[in-house]
Amino acid sequence: MTGDAPDFITRIKSALPTRWFPDDTPVLDSVLSGLAIAWSALYALLAYVRLQSRIATATTSFLEGASTDFFADRLPRRIGESDDSFRVRLQQALRREHATRFALLSTLQDLTGHIPIIFEPSRITDTGAYATASMGYAVAGAWGSLELPFQVFVTARRPQGVGIANIAGYATGGPLARASLAQISGQVTDADIAAAVTAVMPTASTAWLRITN
């Protein structure tokens, strides 16, 4: 295989004059093996470094390093989260639209798996209007107000949890143990939801957030 010790031995021997050595060269092979093993290790290290140089192929702590570089402590790896799942969240965050209604909606949908309810009191599409066919009174949504500029009311739903490995649910007859929410694999906390909203909101705007089940 390319880059392993036998490959390096073959490459070195191919560069030596054939008349210098007989067909069977145990001493030469031993000397070349020492070089080949070292170079093979370096080749493997370079291949590993190349993978870690980009988010698309990085693994383990290198993904966490990329997260810290781009987002400081705002996008940590979740408990029990795989490299692939963490990588997807990093790539989504890097491409995320900001400071728009769609940014807020897509961020919460990606995070929780649910479409949030977004209401802007000064946006006629959210409030409706009198004497219109499609947006009559008490039809479109809620009561609007122009006295709440640059403000939005957001209702986000918590994602369904995946439980704690090897621990049964209450009254199921399975193994029980004292546990905490921090042990839930891939858990999205209320603080995560609030931080996600804060990250995409425009400057000098206010989001009133309600989190429900």
N, C-alpha and C. Protein backbone atom coordinates (compact mmCIF):
# COMPACT_ATOMS: atom_id res chain seq x y z
N MET A 1 0.84 -1.19 0.00
CA MET A 1 0.00 0.00 0.00
C MET A 1 0.89 1.24 0.00
N THR A 2 0.45 2.26 -0.71
CA THR A 2 1.24 3.49 -0.81
C THR A 2 1.50 4.09 0.56
N GLY A 3 2.76 4.35 0.84
CA GLY A 3 3.12 5.01 2.09
C GLY A 3 3.48 4.09 3.23
N ASP A 4 3.27 2.76 3.09
CA ASP A 4 3.67 1.87 4.19
C ASP A 4 5.14 1.49 4.03
N ALA A 5 5.67 0.76 5.03
CA ALA A 5 7.11 0.44 5.04
C ALA A 5 7.54 -0.37 3.81
N PRO A 6 6.84 -1.45 3.43
CA PRO A 6 7.25 -2.18 2.22
C PRO A 6 7.29 -1.31 0.96
N ASP A 7 6.35 -0.37 0.87
CA ASP A 7 6.33 0.53 -0.29
C ASP A 7 7.59 1.39 -0.32
N PHE A 8 8.01 1.91 0.84
CA PHE A 8 9.22 2.73 0.88
C PHE A 8 10.47 1.89 0.58
N ILE A 9 10.50 0.66 1.09
CA ILE A 9 11.65 -0.21 0.79
C ILE A 9 11.76 -0.45 -0.71
N THR A 10 10.64 -0.74 -1.34
CA THR A 10 10.63 -0.96 -2.80
C THR A 10 11.08 0.28 -3.55
N ARG A 11 10.64 1.44 -3.12
CA ARG A 11 11.01 2.68 -3.79
C ARG A 11 12.52 2.95 -3.66
N ILE A 12 13.06 2.72 -2.45
CA ILE A 12 14.49 2.97 -2.25
C ILE A 12 15.33 2.00 -3.07
N LYS A 13 14.94 0.73 -3.03
CA LYS A 13 15.72 -0.28 -3.76
C LYS A 13 15.67 -0.04 -5.27
N SER A 14 14.56 0.50 -5.76
CA SER A 14 14.46 0.77 -7.19
C SER A 14 15.40 1.88 -7.63
N ALA A 15 15.86 2.70 -6.67
CA ALA A 15 16.78 3.78 -7.01
C ALA A 15 18.24 3.36 -6.90
N LEU A 16 18.51 2.15 -6.37
CA LEU A 16 19.88 1.68 -6.23
C LEU A 16 20.30 0.89 -7.47
N PRO A 17 21.57 0.96 -7.81
CA PRO A 17 22.05 0.15 -8.96
C PRO A 17 21.87 -1.34 -8.69
N THR A 18 21.28 -2.04 -9.61
CA THR A 18 20.99 -3.47 -9.41
C THR A 18 22.26 -4.31 -9.32
N ARG A 19 23.33 -3.87 -9.96
CA ARG A 19 24.57 -4.68 -9.96
C ARG A 19 25.30 -4.61 -8.63
N TRP A 20 24.89 -3.73 -7.74
CA TRP A 20 25.58 -3.62 -6.45
C TRP A 20 25.20 -4.75 -5.50
N PHE A 21 24.03 -5.34 -5.68
CA PHE A 21 23.53 -6.28 -4.69
C PHE A 21 23.02 -7.55 -5.37
N PRO A 22 23.10 -8.69 -4.67
CA PRO A 22 22.55 -9.93 -5.21
C PRO A 22 21.02 -9.92 -5.12
N ASP A 23 20.39 -10.99 -5.57
CA ASP A 23 18.92 -11.06 -5.53
C ASP A 23 18.41 -11.11 -4.10
N ASP A 24 19.11 -11.81 -3.23
CA ASP A 24 18.70 -11.92 -1.83
C ASP A 24 19.55 -10.96 -1.00
N THR A 25 18.91 -9.95 -0.38
CA THR A 25 19.66 -8.89 0.33
C THR A 25 19.12 -8.68 1.74
N PRO A 26 19.28 -9.65 2.64
CA PRO A 26 18.73 -9.50 3.99
C PRO A 26 19.35 -8.34 4.77
N VAL A 27 20.67 -8.14 4.61
CA VAL A 27 21.32 -7.04 5.35
C VAL A 27 20.82 -5.69 4.83
N LEU A 28 20.79 -5.56 3.53
CA LEU A 28 20.30 -4.31 2.93
C LEU A 28 18.83 -4.06 3.33
N ASP A 29 18.02 -5.11 3.30
CA ASP A 29 16.61 -4.94 3.66
C ASP A 29 16.45 -4.48 5.11
N SER A 30 17.32 -4.97 5.99
CA SER A 30 17.25 -4.54 7.39
C SER A 30 17.58 -3.06 7.54
N VAL A 31 18.62 -2.64 6.81
CA VAL A 31 19.00 -1.22 6.88
C VAL A 31 17.89 -0.34 6.30
N LEU A 32 17.35 -0.76 5.16
CA LEU A 32 16.30 0.03 4.53
C LEU A 32 15.01 0.03 5.34
N SER A 33 14.78 -1.05 6.07
CA SER A 33 13.56 -1.12 6.90
C SER A 33 13.56 -0.03 7.96
N GLY A 34 14.74 0.24 8.54
CA GLY A 34 14.82 1.30 9.54
C GLY A 34 14.40 2.64 8.96
N LEU A 35 14.89 2.94 7.76
CA LEU A 35 14.49 4.18 7.09
C LEU A 35 13.01 4.16 6.71
N ALA A 36 12.57 3.02 6.18
CA ALA A 36 11.21 2.92 5.68
C ALA A 36 10.17 3.08 6.79
N ILE A 37 10.44 2.51 7.95
CA ILE A 37 9.48 2.61 9.06
C ILE A 37 9.33 4.06 9.51
N ALA A 38 10.47 4.77 9.60
CA ALA A 38 10.43 6.17 10.01
C ALA A 38 9.69 7.02 8.98
N TRP A 39 10.01 6.81 7.70
CA TRP A 39 9.36 7.59 6.66
C TRP A 39 7.87 7.24 6.53
N SER A 40 7.54 5.99 6.76
CA SER A 40 6.13 5.59 6.73
C SER A 40 5.34 6.29 7.82
N ALA A 41 5.94 6.39 9.00
CA ALA A 41 5.27 7.09 10.10
C ALA A 41 5.07 8.56 9.76
N LEU A 42 6.08 9.18 9.15
CA LEU A 42 5.95 10.58 8.75
C LEU A 42 4.87 10.75 7.67
N TYR A 43 4.83 9.81 6.75
CA TYR A 43 3.82 9.86 5.69
C TYR A 43 2.41 9.79 6.29
N ALA A 44 2.23 8.88 7.25
CA ALA A 44 0.92 8.74 7.91
C ALA A 44 0.58 10.01 8.68
N LEU A 45 1.58 10.61 9.33
CA LEU A 45 1.35 11.84 10.08
C LEU A 45 0.92 12.98 9.16
N LEU A 46 1.59 13.09 8.00
CA LEU A 46 1.22 14.13 7.05
C LEU A 46 -0.19 13.93 6.51
N ALA A 47 -0.56 12.68 6.26
CA ALA A 47 -1.91 12.39 5.79
C ALA A 47 -2.94 12.78 6.85
N TYR A 48 -2.62 12.51 8.12
CA TYR A 48 -3.52 12.86 9.22
C TYR A 48 -3.64 14.37 9.35
N VAL A 49 -2.50 15.07 9.26
CA VAL A 49 -2.52 16.53 9.36
C VAL A 49 -3.34 17.14 8.23
N ARG A 50 -3.21 16.56 7.05
CA ARG A 50 -3.98 17.06 5.91
C ARG A 50 -5.48 16.96 6.17
N LEU A 51 -5.91 15.85 6.77
CA LEU A 51 -7.33 15.69 7.09
C LEU A 51 -7.80 16.73 8.09
N GLN A 52 -6.94 17.05 9.06
CA GLN A 52 -7.35 17.97 10.13
C GLN A 52 -7.30 19.43 9.71
N SER A 53 -6.83 19.70 8.50
CA SER A 53 -6.67 21.09 8.06
C SER A 53 -7.96 21.71 7.56
N ARG A 54 -9.04 20.93 7.46
CA ARG A 54 -10.31 21.46 6.99
C ARG A 54 -11.46 20.81 7.75
N ILE A 55 -12.52 21.55 7.98
CA ILE A 55 -13.64 21.07 8.77
C ILE A 55 -14.29 19.86 8.13
N ALA A 56 -14.33 19.80 6.82
CA ALA A 56 -15.02 18.71 6.12
C ALA A 56 -14.43 17.35 6.45
N THR A 57 -13.15 17.29 6.84
CA THR A 57 -12.51 16.00 7.10
C THR A 57 -11.89 15.90 8.50
N ALA A 58 -11.95 16.98 9.26
CA ALA A 58 -11.33 16.98 10.59
C ALA A 58 -12.07 16.04 11.54
N THR A 59 -11.38 15.57 12.58
CA THR A 59 -11.96 14.66 13.55
C THR A 59 -11.55 15.05 14.96
N THR A 60 -12.18 14.42 15.93
CA THR A 60 -11.86 14.53 17.37
C THR A 60 -11.65 15.98 17.81
N SER A 61 -10.57 16.24 18.53
CA SER A 61 -10.35 17.56 19.13
C SER A 61 -10.08 18.64 18.09
N PHE A 62 -9.72 18.26 16.86
CA PHE A 62 -9.48 19.27 15.83
C PHE A 62 -10.79 19.96 15.44
N LEU A 63 -11.90 19.24 15.48
CA LEU A 63 -13.19 19.87 15.24
C LEU A 63 -13.51 20.87 16.35
N GLU A 64 -13.20 20.51 17.58
CA GLU A 64 -13.44 21.42 18.69
C GLU A 64 -12.54 22.65 18.59
N GLY A 65 -11.32 22.45 18.10
CA GLY A 65 -10.44 23.57 17.88
C GLY A 65 -10.98 24.52 16.83
N ALA A 66 -11.54 23.97 15.75
CA ALA A 66 -12.14 24.81 14.71
C ALA A 66 -13.33 25.58 15.26
N SER A 67 -14.12 24.92 16.10
CA SER A 67 -15.26 25.59 16.71
C SER A 67 -14.80 26.76 17.58
N THR A 68 -13.74 26.55 18.33
CA THR A 68 -13.21 27.63 19.18
C THR A 68 -12.67 28.77 18.34
N ASP A 69 -11.99 28.45 17.25
CA ASP A 69 -11.43 29.49 16.37
C ASP A 69 -12.52 30.40 15.81
N PHE A 70 -13.62 29.80 15.35
CA PHE A 70 -14.66 30.57 14.69
C PHE A 70 -15.70 31.15 15.65
N PHE A 71 -16.02 30.40 16.72
CA PHE A 71 -17.16 30.79 17.55
C PHE A 71 -16.83 30.93 19.03
N ALA A 72 -15.55 30.92 19.38
CA ALA A 72 -15.14 30.99 20.79
C ALA A 72 -15.83 29.86 21.55
N ASP A 73 -16.59 30.19 22.60
CA ASP A 73 -17.25 29.13 23.38
C ASP A 73 -18.73 29.02 23.07
N ARG A 74 -19.16 29.59 21.94
CA ARG A 74 -20.60 29.63 21.63
C ARG A 74 -21.11 28.36 20.97
N LEU A 75 -20.23 27.49 20.51
CA LEU A 75 -20.68 26.28 19.81
C LEU A 75 -19.86 25.08 20.28
N PRO A 76 -20.03 24.65 21.54
CA PRO A 76 -19.27 23.50 22.02
C PRO A 76 -19.85 22.18 21.53
N ARG A 77 -19.06 21.14 21.61
CA ARG A 77 -19.56 19.79 21.29
C ARG A 77 -20.49 19.34 22.42
N ARG A 78 -21.61 18.75 22.05
CA ARG A 78 -22.55 18.26 23.05
C ARG A 78 -22.08 16.93 23.63
N ILE A 79 -22.60 16.59 24.77
CA ILE A 79 -22.24 15.33 25.42
C ILE A 79 -22.61 14.16 24.51
N GLY A 80 -21.62 13.31 24.21
CA GLY A 80 -21.87 12.15 23.39
C GLY A 80 -22.07 12.44 21.91
N GLU A 81 -21.82 13.66 21.47
CA GLU A 81 -22.04 14.00 20.06
C GLU A 81 -20.93 13.45 19.18
N SER A 82 -21.29 12.85 18.07
CA SER A 82 -20.31 12.27 17.16
C SER A 82 -19.62 13.35 16.34
N ASP A 83 -18.50 12.98 15.72
CA ASP A 83 -17.78 13.92 14.87
C ASP A 83 -18.66 14.39 13.71
N ASP A 84 -19.38 13.46 13.09
CA ASP A 84 -20.20 13.82 11.94
C ASP A 84 -21.29 14.82 12.31
N SER A 85 -21.95 14.58 13.43
CA SER A 85 -23.01 15.49 13.87
C SER A 85 -22.45 16.87 14.21
N PHE A 86 -21.33 16.88 14.92
CA PHE A 86 -20.70 18.15 15.29
C PHE A 86 -20.23 18.90 14.04
N ARG A 87 -19.69 18.17 13.08
CA ARG A 87 -19.22 18.78 11.83
C ARG A 87 -20.37 19.47 11.09
N VAL A 88 -21.51 18.81 11.03
CA VAL A 88 -22.67 19.38 10.35
C VAL A 88 -23.10 20.68 11.04
N ARG A 89 -23.11 20.69 12.36
CA ARG A 89 -23.50 21.91 13.08
C ARG A 89 -22.50 23.04 12.83
N LEU A 90 -21.22 22.71 12.78
CA LEU A 90 -20.21 23.73 12.49
C LEU A 90 -20.41 24.32 11.09
N GLN A 91 -20.61 23.46 10.12
CA GLN A 91 -20.78 23.94 8.75
C GLN A 91 -22.05 24.77 8.60
N GLN A 92 -23.12 24.36 9.28
CA GLN A 92 -24.35 25.14 9.24
C GLN A 92 -24.14 26.52 9.86
N ALA A 93 -23.42 26.56 10.98
CA ALA A 93 -23.17 27.83 11.66
C ALA A 93 -22.31 28.77 10.82
N LEU A 94 -21.35 28.21 10.09
CA LEU A 94 -20.49 29.04 9.25
C LEU A 94 -21.26 29.66 8.08
N ARG A 95 -22.24 28.93 7.57
CA ARG A 95 -23.01 29.42 6.42
C ARG A 95 -24.29 30.13 6.84
N ARG A 96 -24.50 30.25 8.13
CA ARG A 96 -25.77 30.77 8.64
C ARG A 96 -26.02 32.21 8.22
N GLU A 97 -27.22 32.48 7.73
CA GLU A 97 -27.65 33.85 7.48
C GLU A 97 -27.90 34.53 8.83
N HIS A 98 -27.67 35.83 8.92
CA HIS A 98 -27.85 36.55 10.17
C HIS A 98 -28.72 37.80 9.95
N ALA A 99 -29.29 38.26 11.04
CA ALA A 99 -30.00 39.54 11.08
C ALA A 99 -31.23 39.57 10.18
N THR A 100 -31.85 38.42 9.94
CA THR A 100 -33.09 38.36 9.16
C THR A 100 -34.09 37.45 9.86
N ARG A 101 -35.33 37.56 9.46
CA ARG A 101 -36.38 36.68 10.00
C ARG A 101 -36.10 35.22 9.63
N PHE A 102 -35.67 35.00 8.39
CA PHE A 102 -35.35 33.64 7.96
C PHE A 102 -34.20 33.06 8.78
N ALA A 103 -33.22 33.88 9.12
CA ALA A 103 -32.09 33.42 9.93
C ALA A 103 -32.58 32.91 11.28
N LEU A 104 -33.49 33.66 11.89
CA LEU A 104 -34.04 33.26 13.18
C LEU A 104 -34.83 31.96 13.06
N LEU A 105 -35.66 31.87 12.03
CA LEU A 105 -36.49 30.68 11.84
C LEU A 105 -35.62 29.44 11.57
N SER A 106 -34.68 29.56 10.64
CA SER A 106 -33.87 28.40 10.26
C SER A 106 -32.95 27.97 11.39
N THR A 107 -32.44 28.92 12.16
CA THR A 107 -31.56 28.58 13.28
C THR A 107 -32.30 27.74 14.31
N LEU A 108 -33.49 28.16 14.68
CA LEU A 108 -34.25 27.42 15.69
C LEU A 108 -34.76 26.09 15.14
N GLN A 109 -35.11 26.06 13.87
CA GLN A 109 -35.56 24.80 13.28
C GLN A 109 -34.43 23.78 13.24
N ASP A 110 -33.22 24.22 12.87
CA ASP A 110 -32.08 23.31 12.84
C ASP A 110 -31.72 22.83 14.25
N LEU A 111 -31.86 23.73 15.22
CA LEU A 111 -31.45 23.39 16.59
C LEU A 111 -32.45 22.48 17.28
N THR A 112 -33.73 22.75 17.12
CA THR A 112 -34.75 22.03 17.88
C THR A 112 -35.51 20.99 17.07
N GLY A 113 -35.48 21.12 15.75
CA GLY A 113 -36.28 20.22 14.93
C GLY A 113 -37.72 20.66 14.78
N HIS A 114 -38.08 21.82 15.34
CA HIS A 114 -39.44 22.35 15.26
C HIS A 114 -39.41 23.75 14.64
N ILE A 115 -40.45 24.07 13.89
CA ILE A 115 -40.57 25.42 13.33
C ILE A 115 -41.07 26.36 14.42
N PRO A 116 -40.34 27.43 14.72
CA PRO A 116 -40.77 28.34 15.78
C PRO A 116 -41.91 29.25 15.31
N ILE A 117 -42.60 29.83 16.28
CA ILE A 117 -43.61 30.85 15.98
C ILE A 117 -42.95 32.21 16.15
N ILE A 118 -42.95 33.00 15.11
CA ILE A 118 -42.30 34.31 15.13
C ILE A 118 -43.37 35.37 14.87
N PHE A 119 -43.49 36.32 15.79
CA PHE A 119 -44.49 37.37 15.65
C PHE A 119 -43.83 38.73 15.83
N GLU A 120 -43.95 39.56 14.79
CA GLU A 120 -43.46 40.93 14.85
C GLU A 120 -44.67 41.87 14.93
N PRO A 121 -44.86 42.60 16.02
CA PRO A 121 -46.05 43.43 16.19
C PRO A 121 -46.23 44.50 15.12
N SER A 122 -45.12 44.93 14.50
CA SER A 122 -45.22 45.99 13.50
C SER A 122 -45.24 45.44 12.07
N ARG A 123 -45.35 44.12 11.92
CA ARG A 123 -45.34 43.51 10.59
C ARG A 123 -46.76 43.12 10.22
N ILE A 124 -47.29 43.73 9.18
CA ILE A 124 -48.69 43.54 8.85
C ILE A 124 -49.01 42.10 8.45
N THR A 125 -48.03 41.39 7.89
CA THR A 125 -48.25 39.99 7.52
C THR A 125 -48.52 39.13 8.75
N ASP A 126 -47.95 39.52 9.88
CA ASP A 126 -48.17 38.78 11.13
C ASP A 126 -49.45 39.19 11.83
N THR A 127 -49.86 40.45 11.68
CA THR A 127 -50.98 40.96 12.47
C THR A 127 -52.30 40.98 11.71
N GLY A 128 -52.23 41.07 10.38
CA GLY A 128 -53.45 41.22 9.61
C GLY A 128 -53.86 42.69 9.53
N ALA A 129 -54.97 42.96 8.88
CA ALA A 129 -55.44 44.33 8.71
C ALA A 129 -56.95 44.33 8.51
N TYR A 130 -57.57 45.47 8.82
CA TYR A 130 -59.01 45.60 8.59
C TYR A 130 -59.33 45.68 7.10
N ALA A 131 -60.50 45.23 6.75
CA ALA A 131 -61.03 45.39 5.41
C ALA A 131 -60.16 44.75 4.34
N THR A 132 -59.59 43.62 4.65
CA THR A 132 -58.84 42.86 3.64
C THR A 132 -59.41 41.46 3.56
N ALA A 133 -59.29 40.87 2.39
CA ALA A 133 -59.92 39.57 2.18
C ALA A 133 -59.18 38.44 2.88
N SER A 134 -57.86 38.52 2.89
CA SER A 134 -57.08 37.39 3.39
C SER A 134 -56.51 37.60 4.79
N MET A 135 -56.55 38.85 5.27
CA MET A 135 -55.95 39.10 6.57
C MET A 135 -56.92 39.92 7.43
N GLY A 136 -58.07 39.39 7.65
CA GLY A 136 -59.07 40.11 8.42
C GLY A 136 -58.77 40.10 9.91
N TYR A 137 -59.56 40.84 10.66
CA TYR A 137 -59.39 40.91 12.10
C TYR A 137 -59.53 39.53 12.74
N ALA A 138 -58.62 39.18 13.66
CA ALA A 138 -58.63 37.92 14.39
C ALA A 138 -58.40 36.71 13.48
N VAL A 139 -57.79 36.95 12.34
CA VAL A 139 -57.52 35.86 11.41
C VAL A 139 -56.02 35.60 11.29
N ALA A 140 -55.24 36.64 11.11
CA ALA A 140 -53.82 36.47 10.80
C ALA A 140 -53.00 35.99 11.98
N GLY A 141 -53.24 36.49 13.18
CA GLY A 141 -52.39 36.06 14.28
C GLY A 141 -52.66 36.75 15.58
N ALA A 142 -52.05 37.93 15.80
CA ALA A 142 -52.16 38.60 17.08
C ALA A 142 -52.30 40.11 16.87
N TRP A 143 -52.53 40.81 17.95
CA TRP A 143 -52.76 42.24 17.89
C TRP A 143 -51.43 42.96 17.66
N GLY A 144 -51.39 43.79 16.63
CA GLY A 144 -50.15 44.49 16.31
C GLY A 144 -50.03 45.81 17.01
N SER A 145 -48.83 46.38 16.95
CA SER A 145 -48.58 47.67 17.56
C SER A 145 -47.34 48.29 16.95
N LEU A 146 -47.44 49.56 16.58
CA LEU A 146 -46.27 50.28 16.08
C LEU A 146 -45.44 50.86 17.21
N GLU A 147 -45.89 50.65 18.45
CA GLU A 147 -45.14 51.15 19.60
C GLU A 147 -44.09 50.15 20.08
N LEU A 148 -43.93 49.06 19.32
CA LEU A 148 -42.91 48.05 19.66
C LEU A 148 -41.98 47.87 18.46
N PRO A 149 -41.28 48.92 18.07
CA PRO A 149 -40.40 48.80 16.90
C PRO A 149 -39.18 47.94 17.21
N PHE A 150 -38.70 47.24 16.19
CA PHE A 150 -37.49 46.41 16.30
C PHE A 150 -37.60 45.36 17.40
N GLN A 151 -38.84 44.87 17.60
CA GLN A 151 -39.05 43.83 18.60
C GLN A 151 -39.80 42.66 17.96
N VAL A 152 -39.52 41.47 18.49
CA VAL A 152 -40.14 40.26 17.95
C VAL A 152 -40.42 39.30 19.10
N PHE A 153 -41.54 38.61 19.02
CA PHE A 153 -41.91 37.60 20.01
C PHE A 153 -41.70 36.22 19.38
N VAL A 154 -40.93 35.40 20.06
CA VAL A 154 -40.54 34.10 19.51
C VAL A 154 -40.98 32.99 20.46
N THR A 155 -41.66 32.00 19.92
CA THR A 155 -42.01 30.81 20.70
C THR A 155 -41.26 29.63 20.10
N ALA A 156 -40.35 29.06 20.88
CA ALA A 156 -39.55 27.91 20.42
C ALA A 156 -39.94 26.68 21.22
N ARG A 157 -39.95 25.54 20.55
CA ARG A 157 -40.25 24.27 21.23
C ARG A 157 -38.97 23.51 21.51
N ARG A 158 -38.91 22.91 22.68
CA ARG A 158 -37.75 22.09 23.02
C ARG A 158 -37.74 20.83 22.16
N PRO A 159 -36.56 20.37 21.76
CA PRO A 159 -36.50 19.12 20.99
C PRO A 159 -36.79 17.93 21.87
N GLN A 160 -37.21 16.85 21.27
CA GLN A 160 -37.43 15.62 22.03
C GLN A 160 -36.08 15.03 22.40
N GLY A 161 -35.91 14.67 23.67
CA GLY A 161 -34.65 14.09 24.12
C GLY A 161 -34.49 12.66 23.68
N VAL A 162 -33.26 12.17 23.72
CA VAL A 162 -32.99 10.79 23.31
C VAL A 162 -32.70 9.89 24.50
N GLY A 163 -32.82 10.43 25.71
CA GLY A 163 -32.63 9.60 26.89
C GLY A 163 -31.17 9.43 27.29
N ILE A 164 -30.96 8.63 28.33
CA ILE A 164 -29.62 8.35 28.85
C ILE A 164 -29.32 6.88 28.63
N ALA A 165 -28.20 6.60 28.03
CA ALA A 165 -27.85 5.23 27.67
C ALA A 165 -27.85 4.31 28.89
N ASN A 166 -28.40 3.10 28.72
CA ASN A 166 -28.39 2.03 29.72
C ASN A 166 -29.23 2.34 30.96
N ILE A 167 -30.06 3.37 30.90
CA ILE A 167 -30.95 3.70 32.01
C ILE A 167 -32.38 3.67 31.50
N ALA A 168 -33.25 2.96 32.22
CA ALA A 168 -34.64 2.83 31.78
C ALA A 168 -35.45 4.04 32.22
N GLY A 169 -36.60 4.21 31.58
CA GLY A 169 -37.52 5.26 31.98
C GLY A 169 -38.24 4.90 33.28
N TYR A 170 -38.91 5.86 33.88
CA TYR A 170 -39.59 5.66 35.15
C TYR A 170 -40.71 4.61 35.00
N ALA A 171 -40.73 3.67 35.93
CA ALA A 171 -41.77 2.64 35.99
C ALA A 171 -41.82 1.76 34.75
N THR A 172 -40.67 1.55 34.11
CA THR A 172 -40.63 0.67 32.95
C THR A 172 -40.11 -0.72 33.28
N GLY A 173 -39.59 -0.89 34.50
CA GLY A 173 -39.08 -2.19 34.88
C GLY A 173 -37.62 -2.40 34.53
N GLY A 174 -36.99 -1.46 33.88
CA GLY A 174 -35.59 -1.58 33.49
C GLY A 174 -34.66 -1.06 34.58
N PRO A 175 -33.35 -1.03 34.32
CA PRO A 175 -32.38 -0.56 35.32
C PRO A 175 -32.57 0.92 35.62
N LEU A 176 -32.51 1.26 36.90
CA LEU A 176 -32.70 2.63 37.35
C LEU A 176 -31.40 3.17 37.94
N ALA A 177 -31.27 4.48 37.95
CA ALA A 177 -30.09 5.12 38.53
C ALA A 177 -30.40 6.60 38.72
N ARG A 178 -29.67 7.23 39.63
CA ARG A 178 -29.78 8.68 39.76
C ARG A 178 -29.11 9.32 38.55
N ALA A 179 -29.76 10.28 37.96
CA ALA A 179 -29.22 10.88 36.73
C ALA A 179 -29.56 12.36 36.71
N SER A 180 -28.95 13.05 35.79
CA SER A 180 -29.23 14.47 35.60
C SER A 180 -29.41 14.74 34.11
N LEU A 181 -29.98 15.89 33.79
CA LEU A 181 -30.21 16.25 32.40
C LEU A 181 -28.90 16.39 31.63
N ALA A 182 -27.81 16.67 32.35
CA ALA A 182 -26.51 16.84 31.70
C ALA A 182 -26.01 15.54 31.06
N GLN A 183 -26.59 14.40 31.48
CA GLN A 183 -26.16 13.12 30.95
C GLN A 183 -26.87 12.74 29.66
N ILE A 184 -27.85 13.51 29.26
CA ILE A 184 -28.60 13.18 28.05
C ILE A 184 -27.74 13.47 26.84
N SER A 185 -27.55 12.46 26.01
CA SER A 185 -26.71 12.60 24.82
C SER A 185 -27.34 13.56 23.83
N GLY A 186 -26.55 14.56 23.38
CA GLY A 186 -27.04 15.50 22.39
C GLY A 186 -28.09 16.46 22.92
N GLN A 187 -28.15 16.64 24.24
CA GLN A 187 -29.18 17.47 24.84
C GLN A 187 -29.04 18.93 24.40
N VAL A 188 -30.17 19.53 23.98
CA VAL A 188 -30.23 20.95 23.67
C VAL A 188 -30.92 21.63 24.84
N THR A 189 -30.23 22.50 25.53
CA THR A 189 -30.77 23.15 26.71
C THR A 189 -31.49 24.44 26.33
N ASP A 190 -32.24 24.98 27.30
CA ASP A 190 -32.89 26.27 27.08
C ASP A 190 -31.85 27.35 26.84
N ALA A 191 -30.71 27.23 27.51
CA ALA A 191 -29.64 28.22 27.30
C ALA A 191 -29.11 28.16 25.87
N ASP A 192 -29.05 26.95 25.29
CA ASP A 192 -28.62 26.81 23.89
C ASP A 192 -29.59 27.52 22.95
N ILE A 193 -30.88 27.38 23.23
CA ILE A 193 -31.90 28.02 22.39
C ILE A 193 -31.80 29.54 22.50
N ALA A 194 -31.64 30.03 23.72
CA ALA A 194 -31.52 31.48 23.91
C ALA A 194 -30.27 32.03 23.24
N ALA A 195 -29.16 31.28 23.35
CA ALA A 195 -27.91 31.72 22.73
C ALA A 195 -28.03 31.74 21.21
N ALA A 196 -28.74 30.77 20.65
CA ALA A 196 -28.92 30.72 19.20
C ALA A 196 -29.72 31.92 18.70
N VAL A 197 -30.74 32.31 19.45
CA VAL A 197 -31.54 33.48 19.08
C VAL A 197 -30.68 34.74 19.15
N THR A 198 -29.92 34.87 20.22
CA THR A 198 -29.06 36.04 20.39
C THR A 198 -28.05 36.17 19.27
N ALA A 199 -27.53 35.03 18.82
CA ALA A 199 -26.46 35.04 17.82
C ALA A 199 -26.91 35.56 16.46
N VAL A 200 -28.19 35.41 16.12
CA VAL A 200 -28.63 35.81 14.78
C VAL A 200 -29.49 37.06 14.77
N MET A 201 -29.80 37.61 15.94
CA MET A 201 -30.62 38.82 15.99
C MET A 201 -29.81 40.04 15.56
N PRO A 202 -30.46 41.00 14.88
CA PRO A 202 -29.76 42.23 14.51
C PRO A 202 -29.40 43.06 15.74
N THR A 203 -28.39 43.88 15.61
CA THR A 203 -28.03 44.80 16.69
C THR A 203 -29.17 45.79 16.92
N ALA A 204 -29.37 46.19 18.18
CA ALA A 204 -30.39 47.17 18.57
C ALA A 204 -31.81 46.66 18.35
N SER A 205 -31.98 45.34 18.37
CA SER A 205 -33.31 44.74 18.29
C SER A 205 -33.54 43.88 19.53
N THR A 206 -34.82 43.57 19.79
CA THR A 206 -35.15 42.81 21.00
C THR A 206 -36.00 41.60 20.62
N ALA A 207 -35.63 40.45 21.15
CA ALA A 207 -36.41 39.23 20.96
C ALA A 207 -36.96 38.78 22.31
N TRP A 208 -38.27 38.67 22.40
CA TRP A 208 -38.91 38.14 23.61
C TRP A 208 -39.14 36.65 23.35
N LEU A 209 -38.42 35.83 24.13
CA LEU A 209 -38.38 34.39 23.85
C LEU A 209 -39.21 33.61 24.87
N ARG A 210 -40.05 32.72 24.33
CA ARG A 210 -40.77 31.75 25.17
C ARG A 210 -40.41 30.35 24.68
N ILE A 211 -40.06 29.48 25.63
CA ILE A 211 -39.66 28.11 25.29
C ILE A 211 -40.67 27.15 25.89
N THR A 212 -41.24 26.31 25.04
CA THR A 212 -42.27 25.38 25.48
C THR A 212 -41.90 23.96 25.08
N ASN A 213 -42.68 23.01 25.56
CA ASN A 213 -42.51 21.61 25.18
C ASN A 213 -43.40 21.27 23.98
